[in-house]
Amino acid sequence: MLEAVIFDMDGVLIDSEPFHLEVNKELFKQVGITFSEEEYTHFIGVSNKEMFAILKEKYKLTQSVEELSQMQLVGFLEYLEKEKHIQKPIPGVPELLADIKKAGLKTAVASSSDMRNIEAVLKILDIKKYFNALVSGVNVKKGKPAPDIFIETAKQLGVNPENCMVIEDAMHGVQAAKAAGMKCLGYVNHNSCNQDLTKADAVAEDFKKVNVLFLKSLF
């Protein structure tokens, strides 16, 4: 039985993957990394902490993982503030959130992003009011594709994992949701670099065609 809907943020609530790519390109240049966009696709849906731990070891970077994560966070927040006039929710998201609220279901954001990123994005989009809980992957032991973030989110919502629906645009996120014992709707975001969503219970390309009745039908 559907009791809660859990949203990933980047690529689901906001089409922000291109912003992250631009910020990270600049950061990689600063630290002397030559990094292809194809390589970068493997890190979509992964926390900055885990991404920089891998890159630090691979490229023998002198900066700590914490320093690199902070550089990325500052860069993204600056980019978000500079370009906030063009920031809008992905089409159909506000209507879906309103439908979920009307149905009396609980909602949460479970994102690999830092909590300051999450707060900033939801404030700019003016949709924070819809969510009962916000959970950052930075604050759990293992990031996606491990299920930790979704297990923690269900706990904060007071809902059993099997009664949760996760909406994800990335392969790692889908894997994490299924590992948590949750249903998962894969959202096809063409800026998320052809993610493999085949393990999701259903796939959607347009949130305007998704509503509570459809989500309940997947249970």
Protein backbone atom coordinates (compact mmCIF):
# COMPACT_ATOMS: atom_id res chain seq x y z
CA MET A 1 0.00 0.00 0.00
CA LEU A 2 1.37 3.38 -0.99
CA GLU A 3 2.01 5.63 2.03
CA ALA A 4 4.93 7.81 0.98
CA VAL A 5 6.61 9.16 -2.15
CA ILE A 6 10.35 9.84 -1.99
CA PHE A 7 11.94 12.09 -4.61
CA ASP A 8 15.53 12.28 -5.70
CA MET A 9 16.38 15.94 -6.34
CA ASP A 10 18.91 16.50 -9.13
CA GLY A 11 17.36 15.45 -12.44
CA VAL A 12 13.95 14.77 -10.86
CA LEU A 13 12.77 17.96 -9.16
CA ILE A 14 15.16 20.25 -11.03
CA ASP A 15 17.05 19.70 -14.26
CA SER A 16 20.36 20.48 -12.56
CA GLU A 17 22.73 17.87 -13.96
CA PRO A 18 24.02 20.32 -16.63
CA PHE A 19 24.78 22.82 -13.81
CA HIS A 20 26.70 20.21 -11.81
CA LEU A 21 28.65 19.30 -14.94
CA GLU A 22 29.68 22.92 -15.57
CA VAL A 23 30.69 23.45 -11.94
CA ASN A 24 32.63 20.19 -11.85
CA LYS A 25 34.39 20.92 -15.15
CA GLU A 26 35.71 24.15 -13.65
CA LEU A 27 36.72 22.37 -10.44
CA PHE A 28 38.51 19.58 -12.33
CA LYS A 29 40.42 22.24 -14.28
CA GLN A 30 41.47 23.91 -11.01
CA VAL A 31 42.90 20.68 -9.57
CA GLY A 32 44.50 19.54 -12.83
CA ILE A 33 42.20 16.71 -13.86
CA THR A 34 41.45 15.94 -17.51
CA PHE A 35 38.10 14.25 -17.31
CA SER A 36 35.75 13.23 -20.14
CA GLU A 37 31.98 13.64 -19.97
CA GLU A 38 31.69 9.90 -20.60
CA GLU A 39 33.69 9.19 -17.43
CA TYR A 40 31.58 11.73 -15.55
CA THR A 41 28.35 9.84 -16.30
CA HIS A 42 29.44 7.08 -13.91
CA PHE A 43 29.20 9.56 -11.02
CA ILE A 44 25.65 10.77 -11.68
CA GLY A 45 23.58 9.96 -8.59
CA VAL A 46 26.71 9.42 -6.46
CA SER A 47 27.55 11.70 -3.52
CA ASN A 48 30.39 14.21 -3.91
CA LYS A 49 32.19 12.56 -1.01
CA GLU A 50 32.31 9.22 -2.79
CA MET A 51 33.13 10.76 -6.17
CA PHE A 52 36.04 12.76 -4.79
CA ALA A 53 37.35 9.81 -2.78
CA ILE A 54 37.66 7.87 -6.06
CA LEU A 55 39.16 10.80 -7.99
CA LYS A 56 41.62 11.65 -5.22
CA GLU A 57 43.01 8.13 -5.29
CA LYS A 58 43.00 7.83 -9.09
CA TYR A 59 44.65 11.19 -9.79
CA LYS A 60 46.71 11.48 -6.56
CA LEU A 61 45.12 14.82 -5.70
CA THR A 62 46.71 16.82 -2.88
CA GLN A 63 43.42 18.25 -1.62
CA SER A 64 41.43 16.25 0.94
CA VAL A 65 38.03 14.79 0.05
CA GLU A 66 36.49 17.35 2.43
CA GLU A 67 38.25 20.24 0.67
CA LEU A 68 37.17 19.03 -2.76
CA SER A 69 33.57 18.55 -1.60
CA GLN A 70 33.55 22.05 -0.13
CA MET A 71 34.92 23.52 -3.37
CA GLN A 72 32.15 21.82 -5.33
CA LEU A 73 29.47 22.94 -2.85
CA VAL A 74 30.58 26.58 -2.97
CA GLY A 75 30.78 26.49 -6.77
CA PHE A 76 27.30 25.01 -7.11
CA LEU A 77 25.68 27.43 -4.67
CA GLU A 78 27.31 30.38 -6.46
CA TYR A 79 26.11 29.05 -9.83
CA LEU A 80 22.60 28.49 -8.45
CA GLU A 81 22.42 32.03 -7.04
CA LYS A 82 23.75 33.57 -10.27
CA GLU A 83 21.31 31.65 -12.47
CA LYS A 84 18.32 31.47 -10.10
CA HIS A 85 16.18 33.50 -12.51
CA ILE A 86 16.08 30.49 -14.85
CA GLN A 87 15.58 27.82 -12.18
CA LYS A 88 12.21 26.12 -12.42
CA PRO A 89 10.89 22.72 -11.33
CA ILE A 90 10.81 20.05 -14.01
CA PRO A 91 7.42 20.36 -15.80
CA GLY A 92 4.66 18.46 -14.00
CA VAL A 93 6.46 18.30 -10.65
CA PRO A 94 4.39 20.98 -8.81
CA GLU A 95 1.16 19.38 -9.99
CA LEU A 96 2.32 15.91 -8.91
CA LEU A 97 3.37 17.23 -5.49
CA ALA A 98 -0.02 18.92 -5.05
CA ASP A 99 -1.80 15.69 -6.00
CA ILE A 100 0.28 13.70 -3.50
CA LYS A 101 -0.46 16.23 -0.75
CA LYS A 102 -4.18 16.17 -1.56
CA ALA A 103 -4.14 12.37 -1.24
CA GLY A 104 -2.69 12.66 2.27
CA LEU A 105 0.54 10.81 1.44
CA LYS A 106 3.90 11.63 3.02
CA THR A 107 6.72 13.01 0.90
CA ALA A 108 10.47 13.40 1.22
CA VAL A 109 13.58 14.37 -0.70
CA ALA A 110 16.42 11.83 -0.56
CA SER A 111 19.38 13.27 -2.45
CA SER A 112 23.09 12.56 -2.67
CA SER A 113 23.61 16.34 -2.54
CA ASP A 114 24.73 18.26 0.53
CA MET A 115 21.84 19.51 2.71
CA ARG A 116 22.75 23.12 1.88
CA ASN A 117 22.26 22.28 -1.81
CA ILE A 118 18.91 20.67 -1.07
CA GLU A 119 17.68 23.61 1.00
CA ALA A 120 18.83 26.14 -1.62
CA VAL A 121 17.18 24.34 -4.53
CA LEU A 122 13.85 23.81 -2.76
CA LYS A 123 13.79 27.46 -1.68
CA ILE A 124 14.41 28.71 -5.22
CA LEU A 125 11.79 26.34 -6.64
CA ASP A 126 9.35 27.27 -3.83
CA ILE A 127 8.38 23.64 -3.18
CA LYS A 128 9.85 22.93 0.26
CA LYS A 129 6.35 23.20 1.78
CA TYR A 130 5.40 19.89 0.17
CA PHE A 131 7.99 17.74 1.97
CA ASN A 132 7.80 16.05 5.38
CA ALA A 133 11.51 15.16 5.44
CA LEU A 134 14.77 16.08 3.71
CA VAL A 135 17.62 13.57 3.76
CA SER A 136 21.14 14.06 2.42
CA GLY A 137 23.36 11.20 1.33
CA VAL A 138 26.23 12.98 3.07
CA ASN A 139 24.69 12.00 6.41
CA VAL A 140 24.37 8.24 5.86
CA LYS A 141 27.06 5.58 6.05
CA LYS A 142 26.93 4.47 2.41
CA GLY A 143 25.66 6.43 -0.57
CA LYS A 144 23.63 5.19 -3.52
CA PRO A 145 23.54 2.46 -4.87
CA ALA A 146 23.51 1.26 -1.23
CA PRO A 147 20.00 1.53 0.26
CA ASP A 148 21.03 3.52 3.37
CA ILE A 149 19.54 6.86 2.34
CA PHE A 150 16.14 5.38 1.54
CA ILE A 151 16.03 3.26 4.70
CA GLU A 152 16.81 6.42 6.71
CA THR A 153 14.15 8.39 4.84
CA ALA A 154 11.47 5.76 5.54
CA LYS A 155 12.50 5.84 9.20
CA GLN A 156 12.15 9.63 9.36
CA LEU A 157 8.74 9.44 7.70
CA GLY A 158 7.60 6.64 10.01
CA VAL A 159 6.68 4.41 7.07
CA ASN A 160 7.66 0.84 6.22
CA PRO A 161 10.00 0.69 3.18
CA GLU A 162 7.64 -1.61 1.26
CA ASN A 163 5.01 1.16 1.35
CA CYS A 164 7.30 3.74 -0.27
CA MET A 165 7.58 4.83 -3.88
CA VAL A 166 10.90 6.33 -4.98
CA ILE A 167 11.20 8.55 -8.05
CA GLU A 168 14.71 8.46 -9.52
CA ASP A 169 16.46 9.45 -12.74
CA ALA A 170 19.77 7.60 -12.18
CA MET A 171 20.78 3.94 -12.27
CA HIS A 172 22.45 4.14 -8.84
CA GLY A 173 19.29 5.61 -7.35
CA VAL A 174 17.06 2.92 -8.83
CA GLN A 175 19.38 0.23 -7.49
CA ALA A 176 19.34 1.83 -4.04
CA ALA A 177 15.54 2.03 -4.00
CA LYS A 178 15.09 -1.60 -4.97
CA ALA A 179 17.75 -2.69 -2.45
CA ALA A 180 15.70 -0.87 0.21
CA GLY A 181 12.65 -2.96 -0.73
CA MET A 182 10.78 -0.01 -2.23
CA LYS A 183 8.89 0.50 -5.46
CA CYS A 184 10.64 2.78 -7.94
CA LEU A 185 9.52 4.97 -10.82
CA GLY A 186 12.35 5.77 -13.20
CA TYR A 187 12.18 9.24 -14.73
CA VAL A 188 13.87 9.61 -18.10
CA ASN A 189 15.85 12.84 -17.96
CA HIS A 190 17.80 13.24 -21.18
CA ASN A 191 20.37 15.41 -19.41
CA SER A 192 21.24 12.51 -17.10
CA CYS A 193 23.23 10.75 -19.83
CA ASN A 194 21.15 7.72 -20.85
CA GLN A 195 20.83 6.12 -17.43
CA ASP A 196 19.87 2.45 -17.21
CA LEU A 197 16.44 2.48 -15.54
CA THR A 198 15.46 -1.08 -16.44
CA LYS A 199 15.30 -2.22 -12.81
CA ALA A 200 12.60 0.35 -12.00
CA ASP A 201 9.00 -0.86 -11.64
CA ALA A 202 7.91 1.62 -14.30
CA VAL A 203 9.45 4.38 -16.39
CA ALA A 204 8.03 7.81 -17.23
CA GLU A 205 9.23 10.53 -19.60
CA ASP A 206 6.64 13.16 -18.62
CA PHE A 207 5.53 13.97 -15.06
CA LYS A 208 2.36 15.49 -16.49
CA LYS A 209 1.25 11.90 -17.12
CA VAL A 210 2.04 10.76 -13.55
CA ASN A 211 -0.43 11.07 -10.68
CA VAL A 212 -1.26 9.35 -7.39
CA LEU A 213 -3.62 6.91 -9.08
CA PHE A 214 -0.81 5.77 -11.39
CA LEU A 215 1.66 5.41 -8.50
CA LYS A 216 -0.85 3.36 -6.50
CA SER A 217 -1.34 1.06 -9.49
CA LEU A 218 2.30 -0.07 -9.18
CA PHE A 219 1.60 -1.67 -5.78
